[in-house]
Protein backbone atom coordinates (compact mmCIF):
# COMPACT_ATOMS: atom_id res chain seq x y z
CA MET A 1 65.94 90.44 63.88
CA GLN A 2 65.60 91.10 60.39
CA SER A 3 69.02 92.05 58.69
CA ASN A 4 67.03 94.86 57.02
CA SER A 5 65.80 96.46 60.20
CA VAL A 6 69.64 96.39 61.85
CA ARG A 7 71.55 99.70 61.66
CA LEU A 8 75.24 99.67 63.35
CA HIS A 9 77.50 102.30 64.08
CA VAL A 10 81.33 101.84 64.16
CA ILE A 11 83.06 104.55 66.31
CA VAL A 12 86.78 105.63 66.16
CA PRO A 13 88.65 107.85 68.10
CA CYS A 14 91.20 109.94 66.80
CA TYR A 15 94.23 111.70 68.17
CA ASN A 16 97.10 112.77 66.30
CA PRO A 17 96.60 110.43 63.34
CA PRO A 18 99.15 110.04 60.74
CA ASP A 19 99.54 111.34 57.50
CA GLY A 20 97.16 109.95 55.26
CA TRP A 21 95.14 108.72 57.54
CA GLU A 22 91.63 109.77 55.88
CA ALA A 23 92.04 107.89 53.23
CA ALA A 24 93.36 104.97 55.05
CA LEU A 25 90.30 104.97 57.25
CA ALA A 26 88.00 105.47 54.46
CA ALA A 27 89.50 102.35 52.76
CA LYS A 28 89.08 99.84 55.76
CA PHE A 29 86.07 101.09 56.86
CA LEU A 30 84.63 100.69 53.08
CA ASP A 31 85.79 96.81 53.26
CA PHE A 32 84.37 96.29 56.40
CA ARG A 33 80.67 97.53 55.38
CA GLN A 34 81.10 95.83 52.58
CA GLN A 35 82.15 92.69 54.59
CA ILE A 36 78.98 92.63 56.67
CA ALA A 37 76.43 94.64 54.49
CA ASP A 38 74.26 90.88 54.34
CA LEU A 39 74.12 91.47 58.56
CA ALA A 40 74.12 95.67 58.90
CA PRO A 41 72.95 97.01 55.58
CA GLU A 42 73.12 100.30 57.17
CA THR A 43 76.43 100.81 58.62
CA GLY A 44 77.71 104.16 59.24
CA LEU A 45 81.06 105.73 60.77
CA ILE A 46 81.57 108.14 63.86
CA VAL A 47 84.94 109.89 63.96
CA VAL A 48 85.55 111.75 67.48
CA ASN A 49 88.56 114.04 67.28
CA ASP A 50 89.91 113.28 71.04
CA GLY A 51 91.86 117.45 70.80
CA SER A 52 94.34 116.44 68.55
CA PRO A 53 96.76 118.92 67.84
CA ARG A 54 98.25 117.43 64.55
CA ASN A 55 96.77 116.11 61.31
CA ALA A 56 92.98 117.08 62.73
CA THR A 57 92.23 120.33 61.17
CA GLU A 58 88.80 121.24 59.68
CA ALA A 59 90.49 120.56 55.93
CA ASN A 60 91.31 116.70 57.40
CA PHE A 61 87.79 116.23 57.84
CA ASP A 62 86.83 118.04 55.06
CA ALA A 63 88.90 115.50 53.02
CA LEU A 64 87.54 112.17 55.27
CA ARG A 65 84.20 113.49 54.27
CA ARG A 66 84.56 113.59 50.56
CA LEU A 67 85.57 109.54 50.97
CA LEU A 68 83.06 109.21 52.93
CA PRO A 69 80.13 111.55 52.66
CA ASP A 70 77.72 110.28 56.03
CA VAL A 71 80.64 110.41 57.96
CA GLN A 72 79.68 111.97 61.54
CA VAL A 73 82.71 114.06 63.34
CA VAL A 74 82.46 114.91 66.88
CA SER A 75 85.65 117.20 67.86
CA TYR A 76 86.77 118.89 70.96
CA THR A 77 89.66 120.62 71.65
CA GLU A 78 91.17 119.28 75.18
CA ASN A 79 92.40 115.78 74.91
CA ARG A 80 90.66 113.82 77.03
CA GLY A 81 91.35 110.08 76.16
CA LYS A 82 89.93 107.71 74.64
CA GLY A 83 87.20 106.24 77.32
CA HIS A 84 86.05 109.79 77.30
CA ALA A 85 86.48 110.15 73.37
CA LEU A 86 84.62 106.92 72.80
CA ARG A 87 81.62 107.81 74.87
CA GLN A 88 81.06 111.13 72.98
CA GLY A 89 80.69 109.09 69.78
CA VAL A 90 78.59 106.22 71.82
CA ALA A 91 76.42 109.35 72.81
CA ALA A 92 75.58 110.71 69.50
CA SER A 93 74.62 107.55 67.65
CA ASP A 94 71.41 106.58 67.00
CA ALA A 95 71.74 103.40 65.64
CA GLY A 96 70.84 100.20 67.46
CA TYR A 97 73.91 98.78 67.65
CA CYS A 98 77.61 99.96 68.11
CA LEU A 99 80.98 98.40 67.35
CA VAL A 100 83.94 100.30 68.96
CA THR A 101 87.51 100.02 67.84
CA ASP A 102 90.74 101.88 66.73
CA ALA A 103 91.11 103.89 64.02
CA ASP A 104 93.61 101.86 62.37
CA PHE A 105 91.60 98.95 62.41
CA PRO A 106 93.89 96.47 64.37
CA TYR A 107 92.03 93.47 64.14
CA THR A 108 90.71 91.36 61.06
CA PRO A 109 87.82 91.93 58.79
CA ALA A 110 87.04 88.31 59.72
CA SER A 111 87.35 89.37 63.05
CA MET A 112 85.00 92.24 63.18
CA ARG A 113 82.68 90.36 61.28
CA ARG A 114 82.31 87.85 63.73
CA ILE A 115 81.79 90.50 66.47
CA VAL A 116 78.59 91.37 64.42
CA GLU A 117 77.57 88.36 64.20
CA VAL A 118 77.59 87.28 67.57
CA LEU A 119 76.29 90.49 68.49
CA LEU A 120 73.40 90.32 66.31
CA ASP A 121 72.48 86.34 67.73
CA LYS A 122 72.83 86.87 71.28
CA GLY A 123 72.33 90.91 71.72
CA GLY A 124 74.41 92.43 74.79
CA ILE A 125 77.96 92.38 74.47
CA ALA A 126 80.38 91.09 72.23
CA ALA A 127 84.03 90.94 73.63
CA GLY A 128 86.82 90.99 71.73
CA ASN A 129 88.84 87.98 72.99
CA ARG A 130 92.76 87.70 71.59
CA ASP A 131 94.23 84.38 71.50
CA THR A 132 97.63 83.25 72.39
CA ALA A 133 98.71 84.22 68.73
CA TYR A 134 98.48 88.29 69.56
CA TYR A 135 100.99 88.07 72.24
CA GLU A 136 103.48 86.78 69.54
CA LYS A 137 102.70 90.32 67.46
CA VAL A 138 103.41 92.40 70.34
CA PRO A 139 106.71 93.81 72.18
CA PRO A 140 107.27 92.19 75.01
CA PHE A 141 106.78 94.81 77.78
CA ARG A 142 103.21 95.38 76.30
CA ARG A 143 102.90 91.41 76.02
CA ARG A 144 103.67 91.25 80.20
CA LEU A 145 101.32 93.77 80.51
CA SER A 146 98.52 92.45 78.96
CA LYS A 147 99.03 89.17 80.87
CA SER A 148 99.95 90.51 84.31
CA LEU A 149 96.15 92.57 83.90
CA ARG A 150 94.35 89.46 83.03
CA TRP A 151 95.83 87.30 86.11
CA LEU A 152 94.48 90.24 88.35
CA LEU A 153 91.12 89.76 86.35
CA ARG A 154 90.38 86.20 87.12
CA ASN A 155 92.81 85.72 90.63
CA VAL A 156 91.55 89.29 92.33
CA LEU A 157 88.99 90.42 90.23
CA GLN A 158 87.13 87.09 89.49
CA GLN A 159 85.27 88.67 86.44
CA PRO A 160 84.14 85.86 84.21
CA ILE A 161 86.12 87.79 81.06
CA ASP A 162 89.92 88.08 81.38
CA ASP A 163 90.51 90.30 78.76
CA SER A 164 88.63 93.07 78.91
CA GLN A 165 91.34 95.38 77.35
CA CYS A 166 90.31 94.20 73.80
CA GLY A 167 89.45 97.19 71.89
CA LEU A 168 87.20 95.51 69.67
CA LYS A 169 83.70 95.52 71.35
CA GLY A 170 79.94 95.46 69.72
CA PHE A 171 76.93 96.11 71.90
CA ASP A 172 72.86 97.20 71.69
CA GLN A 173 71.21 99.34 73.59
CA ALA A 174 71.28 97.46 76.43
CA GLY A 175 74.90 97.89 76.23
CA LYS A 176 74.95 101.26 75.23
CA ALA A 177 73.27 101.97 78.92
CA VAL A 178 76.08 100.47 80.62
CA PHE A 179 78.81 102.07 78.18
CA LEU A 180 77.60 105.30 78.98
CA GLU A 181 77.91 105.04 82.62
CA THR A 182 81.43 104.51 82.73
CA THR A 183 83.95 107.40 84.13
CA ILE A 184 87.23 106.53 83.22
CA ASP A 185 88.60 108.73 80.46
CA ARG A 186 91.69 106.68 79.37
CA PHE A 187 92.73 103.00 78.81
CA LEU A 188 90.83 101.13 81.86
CA PHE A 189 87.23 102.30 80.80
CA ASP A 190 86.83 98.73 78.86
CA LEU A 191 87.66 96.88 82.35
CA GLU A 192 85.35 99.26 83.66
CA PHE A 193 82.57 98.34 81.22
CA LEU A 194 82.72 94.97 81.92
CA MET A 195 82.30 95.14 85.36
CA LEU A 196 79.22 97.35 85.46
CA ALA A 197 78.13 94.68 82.59
CA ASN A 198 78.95 92.06 85.33
CA GLY A 199 75.28 90.39 85.94
CA ARG A 200 73.14 93.10 84.38
CA VAL A 201 73.92 92.83 80.51
CA PRO A 202 75.32 89.08 78.99
CA VAL A 203 78.98 89.24 77.57
CA THR A 204 79.87 87.14 75.04
CA PRO A 205 83.90 86.31 74.36
CA VAL A 206 84.96 86.58 70.52
CA SER A 207 87.90 85.51 69.47
CA VAL A 208 89.51 88.24 67.65
CA GLU A 209 93.06 88.13 65.51
CA LEU A 210 95.14 90.96 64.77
CA ARG A 211 96.11 92.31 61.32
CA GLU A 212 99.47 92.15 60.09
CA GLY A 213 101.88 94.93 60.13
CA ILE A 214 100.00 96.80 63.29
CA THR A 215 102.62 98.89 65.16
CA PHE A 216 101.82 99.38 68.70
CA SER A 217 101.81 102.58 70.80
CA LYS A 218 103.90 103.09 73.55
CA VAL A 219 103.11 102.95 77.34
CA GLY A 220 104.49 105.61 79.01
CA SER A 221 105.40 105.87 83.06
CA LYS A 222 102.44 108.47 83.50
CA ILE A 223 99.75 106.43 81.78
CA LEU A 224 100.92 103.43 83.88
CA MET A 225 100.59 105.88 87.39
CA THR A 226 97.18 106.79 86.19
CA GLU A 227 95.87 103.64 84.55
CA GLY A 228 97.09 101.88 87.92
CA GLY A 229 94.74 104.32 90.51
CA ASN A 230 91.85 103.62 88.10
CA PHE A 231 92.50 99.98 88.46
CA MET A 232 92.63 100.43 92.29
CA LYS A 233 89.54 102.35 92.15
CA LEU A 234 88.20 99.74 90.79
CA PHE A 235 89.33 96.88 93.02
CA LEU A 236 87.87 98.97 96.02
CA ARG A 237 84.75 99.34 94.06
CA ASN A 238 84.06 95.45 93.65
CA LEU A 239 85.08 94.80 97.16
CA LEU A 240 82.41 96.92 98.34
CA GLN A 241 80.18 95.52 95.78
CA LEU A 242 81.05 91.89 97.39
CA LYS A 243 80.57 92.78 100.80
CA ASN A 244 76.92 94.20 99.92
């Protein structure tokens, strides 16, 4: 595909962002857009306000629009979770390619560029895959949680890619169709996405690294209970598919 025909949307969820987030997001997006200008010269940003009660007023988004006049904002009042937010953003995109990540752009620009390169080369889904250095930068509990999930994906769900929860993924129109089939509203939508894609859309793992200075939010017991239930739903769905 010729680069002059490539349109890409970067889609990020927004929930209770920190003070000054508008300038920080605009700066990171503009830097990324410049770094992939040779690959995807038409790159836009879609921000989804997931019912944020703080720092997500119309004044905040007007400030973002002054920095990024072509930004698209999707907003609703009830907090639904990252999976729901990204589905709304992906559905709003009319670009040929989508890249989903977090609003703080936690992965290095080089990592994000690799995702785009692989996506344009191979099509389907380019899924970020975190190497062992990732675990040196995360809190101990999150490290154990992530490694446990990767073990379950390999040995219980028998998935070809074990790093479902890396929040950096790119996909074409075939991948978009699968992404919009997901139903989980919170964190395990990533796993659901890859499970739905398995055997239908090619998925290519891409090595990615975290930026320096990334801080991690706490994983509360309520989230763990909800996602535990979601994991069991996916496990049972996988069993039914294997039997059929």
